[in-house]
N, C-alpha and C. Protein backbone atom coordinates (compact mmCIF):
# COMPACT_ATOMS: atom_id res chain seq x y z
N MET A 1 148.72 -71.10 86.36
CA MET A 1 147.58 -71.76 86.94
C MET A 1 145.78 -71.97 86.80
N LYS A 2 145.62 -73.03 86.48
CA LYS A 2 144.14 -73.40 87.23
C LYS A 2 143.59 -73.52 87.83
N LEU A 3 142.40 -72.59 87.90
CA LEU A 3 141.05 -72.61 89.03
C LEU A 3 140.23 -73.69 88.22
N PHE A 4 139.55 -74.75 89.11
CA PHE A 4 138.24 -75.93 88.52
C PHE A 4 137.17 -75.05 90.02
N LEU A 5 136.29 -74.62 89.25
CA LEU A 5 135.28 -73.76 89.98
C LEU A 5 134.15 -74.66 89.24
N VAL A 6 133.42 -74.93 91.06
CA VAL A 6 133.40 -76.16 91.03
C VAL A 6 131.56 -76.10 92.21
N ARG A 7 130.55 -76.64 90.76
CA ARG A 7 128.84 -76.42 91.51
C ARG A 7 128.99 -77.58 92.70
N HIS A 8 128.65 -77.82 93.84
CA HIS A 8 127.99 -78.63 94.75
C HIS A 8 127.67 -79.84 93.66
N CYS A 9 127.49 -81.08 93.98
CA CYS A 9 126.32 -82.20 93.54
C CYS A 9 125.13 -81.95 93.93
N SER A 10 123.89 -83.07 93.64
CA SER A 10 122.80 -83.00 94.49
C SER A 10 122.67 -82.72 95.46
N ALA A 11 121.60 -81.87 96.69
CA ALA A 11 121.69 -81.66 97.90
C ALA A 11 119.68 -81.71 97.92
N GLU A 12 119.75 -82.64 99.75
CA GLU A 12 118.60 -82.81 100.34
C GLU A 12 117.52 -81.16 100.05
N GLY A 13 118.06 -80.43 100.11
CA GLY A 13 117.68 -78.78 99.93
C GLY A 13 118.55 -77.59 99.75
N GLN A 14 118.14 -76.80 100.36
CA GLN A 14 118.82 -75.06 100.13
C GLN A 14 119.39 -74.96 102.14
N ASP A 15 119.12 -75.30 102.60
CA ASP A 15 120.10 -74.66 104.24
C ASP A 15 121.02 -75.35 104.28
N ALA A 16 122.03 -74.27 104.85
CA ALA A 16 123.46 -74.01 105.25
C ALA A 16 124.00 -75.70 104.96
N ASP A 17 122.90 -76.35 106.28
CA ASP A 17 123.62 -77.94 106.43
C ASP A 17 122.96 -78.79 105.28
N ALA A 18 122.47 -78.97 104.53
CA ALA A 18 121.69 -79.43 103.61
C ALA A 18 122.76 -80.46 103.34
N PRO A 19 122.30 -81.90 103.29
CA PRO A 19 123.81 -82.87 102.61
C PRO A 19 123.31 -83.13 101.24
N LEU A 20 124.25 -83.92 100.89
CA LEU A 20 124.01 -84.59 99.79
C LEU A 20 123.14 -85.90 99.74
N THR A 21 121.69 -85.76 98.84
CA THR A 21 121.56 -87.03 98.16
C THR A 21 122.19 -88.23 98.35
N GLN A 22 121.28 -89.40 98.18
CA GLN A 22 122.29 -90.49 97.92
C GLN A 22 123.12 -90.23 96.13
N ALA A 23 121.54 -89.84 95.70
CA ALA A 23 122.81 -89.30 94.22
C ALA A 23 123.45 -88.59 93.89
N GLY A 24 123.67 -87.19 94.98
CA GLY A 24 124.71 -86.82 95.29
C GLY A 24 126.15 -87.45 95.61
N GLN A 25 126.07 -88.03 96.22
CA GLN A 25 126.85 -88.81 96.56
C GLN A 25 127.95 -89.78 96.36
N GLU A 26 127.32 -90.31 94.92
CA GLU A 26 127.90 -90.94 93.91
C GLU A 26 128.32 -89.82 93.05
N GLN A 27 127.68 -88.32 92.32
CA GLN A 27 128.11 -87.89 91.54
C GLN A 27 129.58 -87.53 92.95
N ALA A 28 129.49 -86.81 93.75
CA ALA A 28 130.60 -86.66 94.68
C ALA A 28 131.93 -87.30 94.50
N LEU A 29 132.06 -88.78 94.20
CA LEU A 29 132.78 -89.94 93.99
C LEU A 29 132.80 -89.95 92.37
N ARG A 30 132.08 -89.43 91.26
CA ARG A 30 132.07 -88.82 89.63
C ARG A 30 132.86 -87.63 89.79
N LEU A 31 132.83 -86.86 90.34
CA LEU A 31 133.75 -86.02 90.64
C LEU A 31 135.09 -85.62 90.99
N ALA A 32 135.46 -86.57 91.89
CA ALA A 32 136.72 -86.73 92.30
C ALA A 32 137.75 -87.60 91.44
N ASP A 33 136.80 -88.79 90.46
CA ASP A 33 137.39 -89.46 89.42
C ASP A 33 137.73 -88.78 88.46
N PHE A 34 137.19 -87.12 88.09
CA PHE A 34 136.73 -86.56 86.79
C PHE A 34 138.30 -85.39 87.55
N LEU A 35 139.02 -85.14 88.53
CA LEU A 35 139.52 -84.22 88.91
C LEU A 35 140.81 -84.70 89.56
N GLN A 36 140.58 -85.90 89.53
CA GLN A 36 142.08 -86.43 90.14
C GLN A 36 143.26 -86.41 89.83
N GLU A 37 143.60 -86.91 88.41
CA GLU A 37 144.24 -86.30 87.69
C GLU A 37 144.95 -84.54 87.07
N LYS A 38 144.14 -83.81 87.69
CA LYS A 38 144.31 -82.45 86.72
C LYS A 38 145.82 -81.99 88.64
N GLU A 39 145.90 -82.60 88.76
CA GLU A 39 147.44 -82.18 89.50
C GLU A 39 146.65 -80.34 90.61
N ILE A 40 146.08 -81.10 91.52
CA ILE A 40 144.82 -80.10 91.92
C ILE A 40 146.19 -79.96 93.65
N ALA A 41 146.94 -78.65 94.01
CA ALA A 41 147.46 -78.84 94.68
C ALA A 41 146.29 -77.75 95.76
N ARG A 42 145.83 -76.96 96.22
CA ARG A 42 144.79 -77.04 96.72
C ARG A 42 143.35 -77.15 96.78
N ILE A 43 142.20 -77.20 98.22
CA ILE A 43 140.62 -76.92 97.75
C ILE A 43 140.15 -76.39 98.48
N ILE A 44 138.88 -75.52 97.86
CA ILE A 44 138.61 -74.06 99.19
C ILE A 44 137.04 -74.28 98.88
N SER A 45 136.44 -74.54 100.08
CA SER A 45 135.11 -74.50 99.89
C SER A 45 134.20 -73.87 100.13
N SER A 46 132.34 -73.31 100.02
CA SER A 46 131.88 -73.33 101.15
C SER A 46 131.43 -73.44 101.66
N PRO A 47 131.46 -72.45 103.11
CA PRO A 47 130.76 -73.21 104.50
C PRO A 47 130.04 -73.89 104.28
N PHE A 48 129.21 -74.23 103.81
CA PHE A 48 127.39 -75.51 103.39
C PHE A 48 128.16 -76.59 103.26
N LEU A 49 127.92 -77.32 104.23
CA LEU A 49 127.85 -78.84 104.06
C LEU A 49 127.88 -79.30 102.62
N ARG A 50 126.78 -78.88 101.46
CA ARG A 50 126.76 -79.88 100.33
C ARG A 50 127.56 -79.91 99.38
N ALA A 51 128.39 -78.14 99.33
CA ALA A 51 129.87 -78.04 98.77
C ALA A 51 130.87 -78.71 99.73
N ARG A 52 131.06 -78.87 100.36
CA ARG A 52 132.24 -80.09 101.36
C ARG A 52 132.21 -81.85 101.19
N GLN A 53 130.28 -81.78 101.24
CA GLN A 53 130.49 -83.16 101.06
C GLN A 53 130.92 -83.51 99.77
N SER A 54 130.53 -82.72 98.54
CA SER A 54 131.03 -82.56 97.39
C SER A 54 132.52 -82.91 96.93
N ILE A 55 133.43 -82.30 97.28
CA ILE A 55 134.54 -82.26 97.16
C ILE A 55 135.58 -82.63 98.16
N GLN A 56 134.75 -83.30 99.04
CA GLN A 56 135.24 -84.53 100.08
C GLN A 56 135.95 -85.49 99.74
N PRO A 57 135.73 -86.28 98.57
CA PRO A 57 136.00 -87.43 98.31
C PRO A 57 137.20 -87.37 97.54
N LEU A 58 137.02 -86.08 96.98
CA LEU A 58 138.38 -85.59 96.03
C LEU A 58 140.01 -85.31 97.40
N ALA A 59 139.24 -84.85 98.42
CA ALA A 59 140.48 -84.09 99.00
C ALA A 59 140.64 -85.57 99.67
N ASP A 60 140.50 -86.53 100.19
CA ASP A 60 140.52 -88.23 100.96
C ASP A 60 141.74 -88.00 99.73
N ARG A 61 141.07 -88.70 98.41
CA ARG A 61 142.38 -89.21 97.64
C ARG A 61 143.41 -88.45 97.53
N LEU A 62 143.38 -87.21 97.61
CA LEU A 62 144.83 -86.44 97.29
C LEU A 62 145.31 -86.11 99.18
N GLY A 63 144.73 -86.50 100.09
CA GLY A 63 145.21 -85.82 100.80
C GLY A 63 145.48 -84.65 101.14
N HIS A 64 144.64 -83.85 100.45
CA HIS A 64 144.47 -83.07 100.91
C HIS A 64 143.50 -82.57 102.04
N SER A 65 144.59 -80.94 102.79
CA SER A 65 142.74 -80.73 103.65
C SER A 65 141.42 -79.89 102.80
N ILE A 66 140.29 -79.43 103.39
CA ILE A 66 139.55 -78.36 102.39
C ILE A 66 139.26 -76.82 103.33
N ASP A 67 140.42 -75.97 102.36
CA ASP A 67 140.12 -74.92 103.37
C ASP A 67 138.77 -74.28 103.19
N ILE A 68 138.35 -73.35 103.81
CA ILE A 68 137.05 -72.69 103.97
C ILE A 68 136.80 -71.34 103.95
N ASP A 69 136.24 -71.11 102.65
CA ASP A 69 135.87 -69.79 102.85
C ASP A 69 134.55 -69.17 102.55
N GLU A 70 133.85 -68.45 103.74
CA GLU A 70 132.93 -67.68 103.77
C GLU A 70 132.09 -67.34 102.42
N ARG A 71 133.44 -66.59 102.00
CA ARG A 71 133.09 -65.67 100.69
C ARG A 71 132.52 -66.88 99.54
N LEU A 72 132.47 -67.83 99.47
CA LEU A 72 132.37 -68.63 98.74
C LEU A 72 130.68 -69.97 98.64
N ALA A 73 130.05 -69.44 99.94
CA ALA A 73 128.52 -69.38 100.69
C ALA A 73 127.54 -68.88 99.37
N GLU A 74 126.83 -69.60 99.34
CA GLU A 74 125.58 -68.94 98.07
C GLU A 74 125.28 -67.85 98.35
N ARG A 75 125.33 -67.02 97.13
CA ARG A 75 123.90 -65.74 97.75
C ARG A 75 123.04 -65.60 98.66
N VAL A 76 122.57 -64.88 98.71
CA VAL A 76 121.02 -65.06 99.27
C VAL A 76 120.35 -63.94 98.57
N LEU A 77 119.46 -64.09 97.95
CA LEU A 77 118.40 -63.70 97.24
C LEU A 77 117.21 -62.34 97.92
N CYS A 78 117.26 -62.76 99.13
CA CYS A 78 115.88 -62.22 99.46
C CYS A 78 116.42 -62.71 101.10
N GLY A 79 115.62 -62.14 102.27
CA GLY A 79 115.37 -62.61 103.09
C GLY A 79 114.55 -63.75 103.69
N GLU A 80 113.67 -63.57 102.70
CA GLU A 80 112.45 -64.87 102.78
C GLU A 80 112.27 -65.12 101.76
N ASN A 81 111.56 -66.68 101.86
CA ASN A 81 111.22 -66.91 101.00
C ASN A 81 110.36 -66.22 100.31
N HIS A 82 109.93 -66.27 98.83
CA HIS A 82 108.81 -65.75 98.03
C HIS A 82 108.64 -67.01 96.50
N PRO A 83 107.25 -67.03 96.37
CA PRO A 83 107.04 -68.17 95.03
C PRO A 83 107.82 -67.21 93.75
N ASP A 84 108.14 -66.23 93.97
CA ASP A 84 108.28 -65.47 92.79
C ASP A 84 109.91 -65.26 92.25
N TRP A 85 110.47 -66.29 93.33
CA TRP A 85 112.01 -65.91 93.58
C TRP A 85 112.81 -65.98 92.32
N ARG A 86 112.01 -67.39 91.33
CA ARG A 86 112.83 -66.99 90.36
C ARG A 86 113.12 -66.17 89.57
N SER A 87 111.60 -65.32 88.95
CA SER A 87 111.53 -64.34 88.68
C SER A 87 112.46 -63.14 89.11
N MET A 88 112.41 -63.05 89.82
CA MET A 88 113.23 -61.71 91.23
C MET A 88 114.98 -62.38 90.62
N LEU A 89 114.87 -63.63 90.67
CA LEU A 89 116.86 -63.75 90.64
C LEU A 89 117.18 -63.31 89.07
N GLN A 90 116.05 -63.20 88.09
CA GLN A 90 116.20 -63.32 86.94
C GLN A 90 116.59 -61.42 86.44
N ARG A 91 115.81 -61.10 87.19
CA ARG A 91 116.02 -59.63 87.35
C ARG A 91 117.13 -59.48 88.08
N THR A 92 117.97 -59.85 88.71
CA THR A 92 119.34 -59.61 89.51
C THR A 92 120.55 -59.86 88.79
N PHE A 93 120.28 -60.43 87.51
CA PHE A 93 121.12 -60.65 86.24
C PHE A 93 121.12 -59.67 85.16
N ASP A 94 120.39 -58.47 85.08
CA ASP A 94 119.69 -57.84 84.30
C ASP A 94 120.42 -56.30 84.78
N ASP A 95 120.01 -57.02 86.44
CA ASP A 95 120.05 -54.97 87.48
C ASP A 95 121.35 -55.64 88.30
N LEU A 96 123.10 -55.61 88.24
CA LEU A 96 123.66 -56.13 89.17
C LEU A 96 123.30 -55.60 90.24
N ASP A 97 122.80 -54.36 90.80
CA ASP A 97 122.66 -53.71 91.87
C ASP A 97 121.53 -53.66 92.39
N LEU A 98 120.46 -54.44 91.65
CA LEU A 98 119.01 -54.76 92.59
C LEU A 98 119.31 -55.31 94.18
N LEU A 99 119.07 -54.71 95.27
CA LEU A 99 118.75 -55.65 95.93
C LEU A 99 117.26 -55.65 97.28
N PHE A 100 117.01 -56.46 97.31
CA PHE A 100 115.66 -57.39 98.26
C PHE A 100 115.78 -57.15 99.40
N THR A 101 115.16 -56.86 100.10
CA THR A 101 114.83 -56.95 101.29
C THR A 101 116.26 -58.39 102.25
N GLY A 102 116.86 -58.24 102.87
CA GLY A 102 117.17 -59.09 103.24
C GLY A 102 118.11 -59.95 102.58
N GLY A 103 118.46 -59.45 101.52
CA GLY A 103 120.08 -59.89 100.45
C GLY A 103 120.78 -59.38 100.09
N GLU A 104 121.42 -60.09 98.98
CA GLU A 104 122.88 -59.44 98.85
C GLU A 104 122.43 -59.11 97.00
N SER A 105 123.38 -57.93 96.91
CA SER A 105 122.82 -57.95 95.28
C SER A 105 123.70 -58.55 94.01
N SER A 106 123.40 -58.88 93.10
CA SER A 106 124.70 -59.67 92.45
C SER A 106 126.05 -59.56 92.04
N ARG A 107 126.29 -58.01 92.19
CA ARG A 107 127.49 -56.92 92.38
C ARG A 107 128.64 -57.29 93.40
N THR A 108 127.64 -56.93 94.79
CA THR A 108 128.87 -58.06 96.39
C THR A 108 128.50 -59.83 96.56
N ALA A 109 128.07 -59.87 95.72
CA ALA A 109 128.24 -61.10 95.70
C ALA A 109 129.03 -61.55 95.06
N MET A 110 129.38 -61.21 93.29
CA MET A 110 129.99 -61.29 92.85
C MET A 110 131.82 -61.03 93.05
N GLN A 111 131.45 -59.60 93.69
CA GLN A 111 132.59 -58.53 94.30
C GLN A 111 133.26 -59.84 94.85
N ARG A 112 132.70 -60.83 96.27
CA ARG A 112 132.91 -61.40 97.49
C ARG A 112 134.10 -62.54 96.81
N ALA A 113 133.41 -63.07 95.94
CA ALA A 113 133.50 -64.30 95.03
C ALA A 113 134.58 -64.14 94.51
N LEU A 114 135.03 -63.12 93.89
CA LEU A 114 136.01 -62.92 93.23
C LEU A 114 137.31 -62.24 93.69
N ALA A 115 137.03 -61.73 95.40
CA ALA A 115 138.67 -61.41 96.22
C ALA A 115 138.78 -62.61 96.05
N VAL A 116 138.35 -63.94 96.24
CA VAL A 116 138.68 -65.47 96.99
C VAL A 116 139.60 -66.10 95.30
N ILE A 117 139.33 -65.61 94.46
CA ILE A 117 139.88 -65.65 93.36
C ILE A 117 141.53 -64.82 93.57
N GLU A 118 141.83 -63.59 93.25
CA GLU A 118 141.91 -62.69 93.13
C GLU A 118 143.58 -63.32 94.33
N GLU A 119 142.61 -63.21 95.32
CA GLU A 119 143.93 -63.55 96.04
C GLU A 119 144.41 -65.53 96.65
N VAL A 120 143.23 -66.56 95.88
CA VAL A 120 144.65 -67.61 94.79
C VAL A 120 145.60 -67.80 94.45
N ALA A 121 144.91 -66.19 93.31
CA ALA A 121 146.31 -66.33 91.90
C ALA A 121 147.56 -65.21 92.07
N ALA A 122 147.34 -64.02 93.10
CA ALA A 122 148.34 -63.62 94.07
C ALA A 122 149.38 -64.55 94.80
N GLY A 123 148.78 -65.71 95.21
CA GLY A 123 149.36 -66.78 96.49
C GLY A 123 150.08 -67.48 95.59
N GLY A 124 149.87 -67.85 94.18
CA GLY A 124 150.29 -68.81 93.41
C GLY A 124 150.85 -69.96 93.88
N SER A 125 149.88 -70.61 94.51
CA SER A 125 149.13 -72.05 95.40
C SER A 125 149.08 -73.11 94.21
N GLY A 126 149.31 -73.11 92.99
CA GLY A 126 148.76 -73.76 91.93
C GLY A 126 147.80 -74.22 91.82
N ASN A 127 147.21 -75.23 90.96
CA ASN A 127 146.02 -76.09 90.25
C ASN A 127 145.11 -75.90 91.44
N THR A 128 144.00 -75.00 91.94
CA THR A 128 143.26 -75.18 93.04
C THR A 128 141.74 -75.48 92.27
N VAL A 129 140.92 -76.28 92.72
CA VAL A 129 138.79 -76.10 93.61
C VAL A 129 138.92 -75.25 93.80
N LEU A 130 137.65 -74.99 93.84
CA LEU A 130 136.55 -73.53 94.43
C LEU A 130 135.72 -74.27 94.33
N ALA A 131 134.98 -74.68 95.78
CA ALA A 131 133.60 -75.78 95.66
C ALA A 131 132.57 -74.71 95.99
N THR A 132 131.51 -74.68 95.68
CA THR A 132 129.81 -73.43 95.40
C THR A 132 128.93 -73.82 95.15
N HIS A 133 128.24 -72.26 94.57
CA HIS A 133 126.87 -72.89 94.43
C HIS A 133 126.60 -71.45 92.62
N GLY A 134 125.42 -72.93 92.88
CA GLY A 134 124.98 -72.20 91.30
C GLY A 134 124.70 -70.91 91.04
N ASN A 135 124.30 -69.83 92.06
CA ASN A 135 123.52 -68.94 91.53
C ASN A 135 125.49 -68.23 91.56
N LEU A 136 125.84 -68.42 92.50
CA LEU A 136 127.70 -67.33 92.72
C LEU A 136 128.25 -67.72 91.87
N LEU A 137 128.64 -69.12 91.27
CA LEU A 137 129.18 -70.03 89.66
C LEU A 137 128.49 -68.58 89.33
N SER A 138 127.60 -68.92 88.75
CA SER A 138 127.12 -68.02 87.18
C SER A 138 127.52 -66.67 87.57
N LEU A 139 127.34 -66.29 88.43
CA LEU A 139 127.44 -64.79 88.69
C LEU A 139 129.18 -64.32 87.87
N LEU A 140 130.30 -66.04 88.97
CA LEU A 140 131.48 -65.59 88.59
C LEU A 140 131.80 -65.69 87.24
N LEU A 141 130.96 -66.62 86.50
CA LEU A 141 131.00 -66.68 85.23
C LEU A 141 130.30 -65.38 84.21
N LYS A 142 129.67 -64.33 84.95
CA LYS A 142 129.26 -63.26 84.50
C LYS A 142 130.08 -62.28 84.21
N HIS A 143 131.06 -62.27 85.62
CA HIS A 143 131.97 -61.29 84.88
C HIS A 143 133.18 -61.53 83.98
N TYR A 144 133.26 -62.56 83.62
CA TYR A 144 134.26 -63.12 82.51
C TYR A 144 133.22 -63.24 82.03
N ASP A 145 132.34 -63.18 81.31
CA ASP A 145 131.48 -62.83 80.37
C ASP A 145 130.10 -62.27 80.64
N GLU A 146 130.39 -61.15 80.06
CA GLU A 146 128.69 -60.53 80.51
C GLU A 146 127.52 -60.60 79.99
N THR A 147 127.69 -61.72 78.81
CA THR A 147 126.28 -62.45 78.36
C THR A 147 125.85 -63.25 78.80
N THR A 148 126.34 -63.54 80.26
CA THR A 148 126.07 -64.49 81.01
C THR A 148 125.18 -64.60 81.38
N GLY A 149 123.98 -64.59 81.90
CA GLY A 149 122.56 -64.53 82.38
C GLY A 149 121.70 -65.52 83.14
N TYR A 150 120.52 -65.36 83.28
CA TYR A 150 119.27 -66.71 83.92
C TYR A 150 119.35 -67.28 83.33
N ALA A 151 119.46 -67.20 82.07
CA ALA A 151 119.49 -68.87 80.81
C ALA A 151 120.36 -69.74 81.38
N GLU A 152 121.78 -69.12 81.39
CA GLU A 152 123.13 -70.40 81.50
C GLU A 152 122.98 -70.23 83.06
N TRP A 153 122.54 -70.20 83.98
CA TRP A 153 122.49 -70.28 85.86
C TRP A 153 121.56 -71.50 85.52
N GLU A 154 119.85 -71.58 84.79
CA GLU A 154 119.25 -72.40 84.33
C GLU A 154 119.75 -73.64 84.29
N ARG A 155 121.40 -73.59 83.52
CA ARG A 155 121.65 -74.62 82.50
C ARG A 155 122.39 -75.03 82.93
N LEU A 156 123.06 -74.69 84.48
CA LEU A 156 123.58 -75.32 85.10
C LEU A 156 123.36 -76.57 85.89
N THR A 157 124.43 -78.02 85.82
CA THR A 157 123.85 -79.22 86.53
C THR A 157 124.89 -78.80 87.63
N ASN A 158 124.10 -80.68 88.32
CA ASN A 158 124.62 -80.87 89.67
C ASN A 158 125.32 -82.09 89.67
N PRO A 159 126.86 -81.81 89.59
CA PRO A 159 127.90 -81.13 90.03
C PRO A 159 128.00 -80.64 87.88
N ASP A 160 128.76 -79.56 88.50
CA ASP A 160 129.28 -78.77 87.48
C ASP A 160 130.29 -78.09 87.43
N VAL A 161 131.45 -77.89 86.43
CA VAL A 161 133.19 -77.88 86.87
C VAL A 161 133.18 -76.93 85.27
N TYR A 162 133.53 -75.62 85.90
CA TYR A 162 134.60 -74.81 85.29
C TYR A 162 135.47 -74.28 85.25
N LEU A 163 136.17 -74.18 83.36
CA LEU A 163 138.01 -74.37 83.82
C LEU A 163 138.21 -72.97 84.03
N LEU A 164 139.23 -71.77 84.89
CA LEU A 164 139.84 -70.94 84.21
C LEU A 164 140.97 -70.59 84.19
N SER A 165 141.44 -70.94 83.44
CA SER A 165 143.13 -71.20 83.06
C SER A 165 143.72 -69.26 83.19
N LEU A 166 144.68 -69.14 85.01
CA LEU A 166 144.65 -67.37 85.27
C LEU A 166 145.88 -66.96 84.84
N SER A 167 146.40 -68.28 83.79
CA SER A 167 148.29 -68.21 82.96
C SER A 167 147.71 -67.21 81.99
N GLU A 168 146.28 -67.07 81.10
CA GLU A 168 146.69 -66.38 79.71
C GLU A 168 146.23 -65.25 80.30
N GLU A 169 146.25 -64.28 79.33
CA GLU A 169 145.88 -62.84 78.73
C GLU A 169 145.03 -62.68 78.91
N SER A 170 143.29 -63.26 78.93
CA SER A 170 142.21 -63.00 78.56
C SER A 170 141.64 -64.23 79.39
N VAL A 171 140.93 -64.34 80.70
CA VAL A 171 140.30 -65.24 81.17
C VAL A 171 138.76 -65.83 80.50
N ILE A 172 138.85 -66.66 79.66
CA ILE A 172 137.52 -67.25 79.78
C ILE A 172 137.26 -68.36 80.20
N PRO A 173 135.98 -68.62 80.95
CA PRO A 173 136.03 -69.94 81.39
C PRO A 173 135.63 -70.55 80.40
N VAL A 174 135.65 -71.81 81.08
CA VAL A 174 135.11 -72.91 79.75
C VAL A 174 134.61 -74.11 80.79
N ARG A 175 133.45 -74.60 80.69
CA ARG A 175 132.83 -75.72 80.90
C ARG A 175 133.26 -77.02 80.12
N ILE A 176 134.23 -77.65 81.52
CA ILE A 176 134.52 -79.09 81.37
C ILE A 176 134.03 -80.80 81.56
N TRP A 177 132.59 -79.84 82.24
CA TRP A 177 132.02 -81.23 83.42
C TRP A 177 131.63 -81.21 81.87
N LYS A 178 131.19 -82.96 81.80
CA LYS A 178 130.42 -83.64 80.94
C LYS A 178 129.65 -84.05 81.96
N SER A 179 128.16 -83.85 81.95
CA SER A 179 127.37 -84.29 82.73
C SER A 179 126.42 -85.41 82.28
């Protein structure tokens, strides 16, 4: 079984209801072209609009519905906007249990996303797309490769796609998107 971890396309903002930009809509079509021949059996998405819109063209082409899973929502770093949020984010890659007021620790976010992967693997529903967000995606990558950190988060693109081959003895994420 293969899992395709997808970071959403370019969006107009960070709010849960931020839609894709015009460029993001075009990226979503390229993403559908890219994933269309991957024998996708199931699509699961963050409830955030930008994640759903990123994967909707693929769902339409394949005739699949999109299952929404709250556990794929973006991780909240803290309860309010901070001008120093990048530095704060970097610290959470070094200390997975660091928790800012009103936020979620890296470990907690990672574990909720991993629970989705474990359920998909146990269900054996075939190749699956998980549409999510950059911070949560980078935390999943960190789970499989502890050297993943802030620098790898910075290098993610919109969209981005990583492949997890769950049938192999050791799961190693492989970036397969060519931006």
